[in-house]
Amino acid sequence: MRKIEIKSLVSVFKVSNIEKSIAWYKNWLGEPDVIPMDGVAEYQLSSNSWLQLSCEEKDSIETSSIVVGVEDINQTKKTLDECGIKTSEIIDYEVVLVFDVFDIDGNKITFAKEV
């Protein structure tokens, strides 16, 4: 039994250059849904989930990862490939199919389809 109710989820990716990162994400997510302040851009991935890009003024950026559930793994991969986004091969783990992409700062986005 959960002790708290989760209303939404925001994943934060640290990026080294907000303009270059927005350009990369724009290829497949379009324009950010919100730019709340300088150095920050937010994409609403679903009704209660967000991806926030936050510019980090450091020599090295600590990378993060997220897993994004999709309905059609093959179509998702094809769409990203057509957008010029480098994708890994689809791996079949018997209960889930997955593939990865990495943004320009090395943040990993895993796309997953339950089977």
N, C-alpha and C. Protein backbone atom coordinates (compact mmCIF):
# COMPACT_ATOMS: atom_id res chain seq x y z
N MET A 1 0.84 -1.18 0.00
CA MET A 1 0.00 0.00 0.00
C MET A 1 0.89 1.25 0.00
N ARG A 2 0.63 2.14 -0.91
CA ARG A 2 1.39 3.38 -0.98
C ARG A 2 0.98 4.34 0.13
N LYS A 3 1.96 5.01 0.67
CA LYS A 3 1.72 5.98 1.72
C LYS A 3 1.45 7.37 1.16
N ILE A 4 1.90 7.61 -0.09
CA ILE A 4 1.66 8.90 -0.74
C ILE A 4 1.17 8.65 -2.16
N GLU A 5 0.43 9.58 -2.68
CA GLU A 5 -0.07 9.50 -4.05
C GLU A 5 0.79 10.40 -4.93
N ILE A 6 1.37 9.82 -5.96
CA ILE A 6 2.20 10.58 -6.90
C ILE A 6 1.30 11.19 -7.96
N LYS A 7 1.40 12.49 -8.13
CA LYS A 7 0.56 13.22 -9.08
C LYS A 7 1.22 13.36 -10.45
N SER A 8 2.54 13.54 -10.46
CA SER A 8 3.25 13.72 -11.72
C SER A 8 4.72 13.39 -11.53
N LEU A 9 5.45 13.34 -12.65
CA LEU A 9 6.87 13.03 -12.62
C LEU A 9 7.60 13.95 -13.58
N VAL A 10 8.68 14.56 -13.11
CA VAL A 10 9.54 15.39 -13.94
C VAL A 10 10.94 14.79 -13.88
N SER A 11 11.46 14.39 -15.02
CA SER A 11 12.85 13.94 -15.11
C SER A 11 13.69 15.11 -15.58
N VAL A 12 14.86 15.28 -14.98
CA VAL A 12 15.72 16.42 -15.31
C VAL A 12 17.00 15.90 -15.95
N PHE A 13 17.29 16.41 -17.15
CA PHE A 13 18.55 16.14 -17.83
C PHE A 13 19.39 17.40 -17.76
N LYS A 14 20.60 17.28 -17.24
CA LYS A 14 21.54 18.39 -17.26
C LYS A 14 22.15 18.46 -18.66
N VAL A 15 22.22 19.65 -19.22
CA VAL A 15 22.77 19.84 -20.56
C VAL A 15 23.82 20.95 -20.51
N SER A 16 24.75 20.90 -21.45
CA SER A 16 25.85 21.87 -21.46
C SER A 16 25.51 23.13 -22.24
N ASN A 17 24.57 23.01 -23.21
CA ASN A 17 24.20 24.16 -24.03
C ASN A 17 22.71 24.04 -24.33
N ILE A 18 21.91 24.90 -23.74
CA ILE A 18 20.45 24.78 -23.86
C ILE A 18 19.98 24.95 -25.30
N GLU A 19 20.58 25.87 -26.04
CA GLU A 19 20.14 26.08 -27.43
C GLU A 19 20.42 24.86 -28.30
N LYS A 20 21.62 24.28 -28.18
CA LYS A 20 21.95 23.08 -28.96
C LYS A 20 21.08 21.90 -28.55
N SER A 21 20.79 21.79 -27.26
CA SER A 21 19.94 20.69 -26.79
C SER A 21 18.51 20.85 -27.28
N ILE A 22 17.98 22.06 -27.24
CA ILE A 22 16.62 22.29 -27.76
C ILE A 22 16.58 21.93 -29.24
N ALA A 23 17.61 22.29 -30.00
CA ALA A 23 17.65 21.95 -31.42
C ALA A 23 17.63 20.44 -31.62
N TRP A 24 18.37 19.69 -30.80
CA TRP A 24 18.40 18.23 -30.92
C TRP A 24 17.04 17.63 -30.58
N TYR A 25 16.45 18.05 -29.48
CA TYR A 25 15.15 17.51 -29.07
C TYR A 25 14.03 17.96 -30.01
N LYS A 26 14.19 19.13 -30.61
CA LYS A 26 13.19 19.64 -31.55
C LYS A 26 13.01 18.69 -32.74
N ASN A 27 14.07 17.96 -33.10
CA ASN A 27 13.99 17.00 -34.21
C ASN A 27 12.88 15.98 -34.04
N TRP A 28 12.59 15.61 -32.81
CA TRP A 28 11.57 14.57 -32.60
C TRP A 28 10.50 14.93 -31.58
N LEU A 29 10.73 15.95 -30.75
CA LEU A 29 9.69 16.36 -29.80
C LEU A 29 9.06 17.70 -30.15
N GLY A 30 9.62 18.40 -31.12
CA GLY A 30 9.11 19.72 -31.47
C GLY A 30 9.62 20.78 -30.50
N GLU A 31 8.96 21.90 -30.50
CA GLU A 31 9.33 23.00 -29.61
C GLU A 31 9.05 22.63 -28.15
N PRO A 32 9.83 23.17 -27.21
CA PRO A 32 9.52 22.93 -25.79
C PRO A 32 8.11 23.42 -25.47
N ASP A 33 7.45 22.74 -24.55
CA ASP A 33 6.12 23.17 -24.11
C ASP A 33 6.21 24.39 -23.21
N VAL A 34 7.29 24.48 -22.43
CA VAL A 34 7.47 25.58 -21.50
C VAL A 34 8.96 25.93 -21.44
N ILE A 35 9.25 27.21 -21.43
CA ILE A 35 10.60 27.69 -21.11
C ILE A 35 10.42 28.61 -19.91
N PRO A 36 10.46 28.03 -18.70
CA PRO A 36 10.12 28.79 -17.50
C PRO A 36 11.14 29.86 -17.11
N MET A 37 12.39 29.69 -17.55
CA MET A 37 13.44 30.67 -17.23
C MET A 37 14.61 30.42 -18.15
N ASP A 38 15.56 31.33 -18.18
CA ASP A 38 16.76 31.14 -18.99
C ASP A 38 17.47 29.86 -18.58
N GLY A 39 17.90 29.09 -19.58
CA GLY A 39 18.65 27.87 -19.31
C GLY A 39 17.81 26.66 -18.98
N VAL A 40 16.49 26.77 -19.10
CA VAL A 40 15.60 25.65 -18.77
C VAL A 40 14.53 25.52 -19.86
N ALA A 41 14.31 24.29 -20.32
CA ALA A 41 13.23 24.00 -21.28
C ALA A 41 12.53 22.74 -20.82
N GLU A 42 11.20 22.71 -20.99
CA GLU A 42 10.42 21.56 -20.53
C GLU A 42 9.53 21.02 -21.64
N TYR A 43 9.51 19.70 -21.74
CA TYR A 43 8.67 18.99 -22.70
C TYR A 43 7.68 18.13 -21.93
N GLN A 44 6.39 18.27 -22.24
CA GLN A 44 5.39 17.42 -21.62
C GLN A 44 5.32 16.14 -22.45
N LEU A 45 5.77 15.02 -21.87
CA LEU A 45 5.82 13.75 -22.58
C LEU A 45 4.49 13.02 -22.58
N SER A 46 3.73 13.19 -21.51
CA SER A 46 2.37 12.65 -21.43
C SER A 46 1.63 13.54 -20.42
N SER A 47 0.40 13.19 -20.11
CA SER A 47 -0.41 14.09 -19.30
C SER A 47 0.23 14.46 -17.97
N ASN A 48 0.96 13.56 -17.35
CA ASN A 48 1.55 13.85 -16.05
C ASN A 48 3.05 13.59 -15.98
N SER A 49 3.71 13.60 -17.14
CA SER A 49 5.15 13.38 -17.12
C SER A 49 5.86 14.41 -18.01
N TRP A 50 6.97 14.90 -17.49
CA TRP A 50 7.72 15.97 -18.14
C TRP A 50 9.20 15.62 -18.21
N LEU A 51 9.86 16.14 -19.24
CA LEU A 51 11.31 16.09 -19.33
C LEU A 51 11.80 17.53 -19.29
N GLN A 52 12.64 17.82 -18.31
CA GLN A 52 13.20 19.16 -18.18
C GLN A 52 14.67 19.14 -18.58
N LEU A 53 15.06 20.05 -19.46
CA LEU A 53 16.46 20.27 -19.80
C LEU A 53 16.93 21.46 -18.99
N SER A 54 18.02 21.29 -18.27
CA SER A 54 18.53 22.34 -17.41
C SER A 54 20.01 22.56 -17.70
N CYS A 55 20.36 23.76 -18.14
CA CYS A 55 21.74 24.07 -18.51
C CYS A 55 22.62 24.11 -17.27
N GLU A 56 23.70 23.36 -17.34
CA GLU A 56 24.66 23.25 -16.24
C GLU A 56 25.98 23.86 -16.69
N GLU A 57 26.41 24.90 -16.04
CA GLU A 57 27.66 25.59 -16.40
C GLU A 57 28.84 24.90 -15.72
N LYS A 58 29.21 23.73 -16.23
CA LYS A 58 30.33 22.98 -15.66
C LYS A 58 31.19 22.43 -16.79
N ASP A 59 32.40 22.01 -16.44
CA ASP A 59 33.28 21.38 -17.42
C ASP A 59 32.77 20.00 -17.81
N SER A 60 32.18 19.28 -16.87
CA SER A 60 31.63 17.96 -17.17
C SER A 60 30.20 17.88 -16.64
N ILE A 61 29.36 17.26 -17.42
CA ILE A 61 27.95 17.12 -17.07
C ILE A 61 27.70 15.70 -16.58
N GLU A 62 26.99 15.58 -15.47
CA GLU A 62 26.58 14.26 -14.99
C GLU A 62 25.37 13.83 -15.79
N THR A 63 25.45 12.65 -16.41
CA THR A 63 24.36 12.21 -17.27
C THR A 63 23.28 11.49 -16.48
N SER A 64 22.10 11.44 -17.09
CA SER A 64 20.94 10.78 -16.50
C SER A 64 20.32 9.86 -17.54
N SER A 65 19.30 9.15 -17.13
CA SER A 65 18.57 8.30 -18.07
C SER A 65 17.10 8.23 -17.69
N ILE A 66 16.28 7.99 -18.70
CA ILE A 66 14.85 7.76 -18.49
C ILE A 66 14.41 6.60 -19.37
N VAL A 67 13.32 5.98 -19.00
CA VAL A 67 12.69 4.95 -19.81
C VAL A 67 11.32 5.49 -20.21
N VAL A 68 11.05 5.47 -21.52
CA VAL A 68 9.80 5.99 -22.06
C VAL A 68 9.02 4.82 -22.66
N GLY A 69 7.84 4.57 -22.15
CA GLY A 69 6.99 3.50 -22.69
C GLY A 69 6.29 3.96 -23.96
N VAL A 70 6.29 3.09 -24.98
CA VAL A 70 5.64 3.41 -26.25
C VAL A 70 4.73 2.26 -26.67
N GLU A 71 3.77 2.57 -27.53
CA GLU A 71 2.84 1.55 -28.04
C GLU A 71 3.46 0.72 -29.16
N ASP A 72 4.21 1.37 -30.06
CA ASP A 72 4.76 0.68 -31.23
C ASP A 72 6.26 0.94 -31.30
N ILE A 73 7.05 -0.01 -30.83
CA ILE A 73 8.50 0.17 -30.75
C ILE A 73 9.13 0.31 -32.13
N ASN A 74 8.65 -0.46 -33.11
CA ASN A 74 9.22 -0.40 -34.45
C ASN A 74 8.94 0.95 -35.12
N GLN A 75 7.73 1.44 -34.98
CA GLN A 75 7.39 2.74 -35.58
C GLN A 75 8.14 3.87 -34.88
N THR A 76 8.29 3.77 -33.57
CA THR A 76 9.04 4.78 -32.83
C THR A 76 10.48 4.84 -33.31
N LYS A 77 11.11 3.68 -33.45
CA LYS A 77 12.49 3.62 -33.93
C LYS A 77 12.59 4.17 -35.35
N LYS A 78 11.66 3.79 -36.21
CA LYS A 78 11.66 4.27 -37.60
C LYS A 78 11.53 5.80 -37.64
N THR A 79 10.62 6.34 -36.84
CA THR A 79 10.41 7.79 -36.81
C THR A 79 11.68 8.50 -36.36
N LEU A 80 12.32 8.01 -35.30
CA LEU A 80 13.55 8.63 -34.82
C LEU A 80 14.66 8.54 -35.85
N ASP A 81 14.78 7.37 -36.50
CA ASP A 81 15.78 7.21 -37.56
C ASP A 81 15.54 8.22 -38.68
N GLU A 82 14.28 8.40 -39.07
CA GLU A 82 13.93 9.35 -40.13
C GLU A 82 14.21 10.80 -39.71
N CYS A 83 14.20 11.07 -38.40
CA CYS A 83 14.49 12.41 -37.89
C CYS A 83 16.00 12.64 -37.75
N GLY A 84 16.79 11.63 -38.09
CA GLY A 84 18.24 11.76 -37.99
C GLY A 84 18.78 11.49 -36.60
N ILE A 85 17.98 10.87 -35.75
CA ILE A 85 18.41 10.53 -34.40
C ILE A 85 19.02 9.13 -34.44
N LYS A 86 20.26 8.99 -33.98
CA LYS A 86 20.94 7.69 -33.97
C LYS A 86 20.30 6.81 -32.90
N THR A 87 19.85 5.63 -33.32
CA THR A 87 19.19 4.69 -32.41
C THR A 87 19.98 3.39 -32.36
N SER A 88 19.91 2.70 -31.23
CA SER A 88 20.52 1.37 -31.12
C SER A 88 19.57 0.36 -31.76
N GLU A 89 20.02 -0.87 -31.83
CA GLU A 89 19.15 -1.95 -32.30
C GLU A 89 18.11 -2.27 -31.22
N ILE A 90 16.98 -2.81 -31.64
CA ILE A 90 15.96 -3.24 -30.68
C ILE A 90 16.42 -4.54 -30.03
N ILE A 91 16.36 -4.58 -28.71
CA ILE A 91 16.72 -5.79 -27.96
C ILE A 91 15.46 -6.39 -27.37
N ASP A 92 15.32 -7.70 -27.53
CA ASP A 92 14.16 -8.43 -27.02
C ASP A 92 14.54 -9.13 -25.72
N TYR A 93 13.97 -8.65 -24.61
CA TYR A 93 14.21 -9.26 -23.30
C TYR A 93 13.06 -10.20 -22.90
N GLU A 94 12.29 -10.64 -23.87
CA GLU A 94 11.15 -11.56 -23.72
C GLU A 94 9.93 -10.92 -23.06
N VAL A 95 10.11 -10.04 -22.13
CA VAL A 95 8.97 -9.35 -21.50
C VAL A 95 8.87 -7.90 -21.96
N VAL A 96 9.95 -7.42 -22.57
CA VAL A 96 9.98 -6.05 -23.04
C VAL A 96 10.95 -5.93 -24.21
N LEU A 97 10.59 -5.08 -25.17
CA LEU A 97 11.47 -4.72 -26.28
C LEU A 97 11.99 -3.32 -26.00
N VAL A 98 13.29 -3.10 -26.19
CA VAL A 98 13.86 -1.79 -25.89
C VAL A 98 14.89 -1.38 -26.94
N PHE A 99 15.07 -0.08 -27.08
CA PHE A 99 16.22 0.48 -27.78
C PHE A 99 16.56 1.82 -27.15
N ASP A 100 17.79 2.26 -27.37
CA ASP A 100 18.29 3.47 -26.72
C ASP A 100 18.66 4.55 -27.73
N VAL A 101 18.56 5.79 -27.28
CA VAL A 101 19.16 6.93 -27.96
C VAL A 101 19.90 7.74 -26.90
N PHE A 102 20.89 8.48 -27.33
CA PHE A 102 21.65 9.36 -26.43
C PHE A 102 21.60 10.76 -26.98
N ASP A 103 21.32 11.74 -26.11
CA ASP A 103 21.31 13.12 -26.57
C ASP A 103 22.75 13.62 -26.70
N ILE A 104 22.93 14.87 -27.07
CA ILE A 104 24.27 15.39 -27.34
C ILE A 104 25.15 15.52 -26.10
N ASP A 105 24.55 15.39 -24.91
CA ASP A 105 25.32 15.41 -23.67
C ASP A 105 25.49 14.02 -23.06
N GLY A 106 25.01 12.99 -23.76
CA GLY A 106 25.16 11.62 -23.28
C GLY A 106 24.04 11.13 -22.39
N ASN A 107 22.97 11.91 -22.22
CA ASN A 107 21.81 11.44 -21.47
C ASN A 107 21.13 10.33 -22.27
N LYS A 108 20.76 9.25 -21.59
CA LYS A 108 20.19 8.09 -22.28
C LYS A 108 18.67 8.07 -22.17
N ILE A 109 18.04 7.87 -23.32
CA ILE A 109 16.59 7.71 -23.40
C ILE A 109 16.33 6.30 -23.92
N THR A 110 15.73 5.47 -23.09
CA THR A 110 15.39 4.11 -23.49
C THR A 110 13.91 4.08 -23.83
N PHE A 111 13.60 3.60 -25.01
CA PHE A 111 12.21 3.41 -25.42
C PHE A 111 11.87 1.95 -25.19
N ALA A 112 10.71 1.69 -24.59
CA ALA A 112 10.33 0.34 -24.20
C ALA A 112 8.89 0.03 -24.59
N LYS A 113 8.69 -1.22 -24.99
CA LYS A 113 7.36 -1.73 -25.31
C LYS A 113 7.20 -3.07 -24.61
N GLU A 114 6.24 -3.13 -23.69
CA GLU A 114 5.96 -4.41 -23.03
C GLU A 114 5.39 -5.39 -24.04
N VAL A 115 5.77 -6.67 -23.89
CA VAL A 115 5.23 -7.70 -24.79
C VAL A 115 4.40 -8.71 -24.03
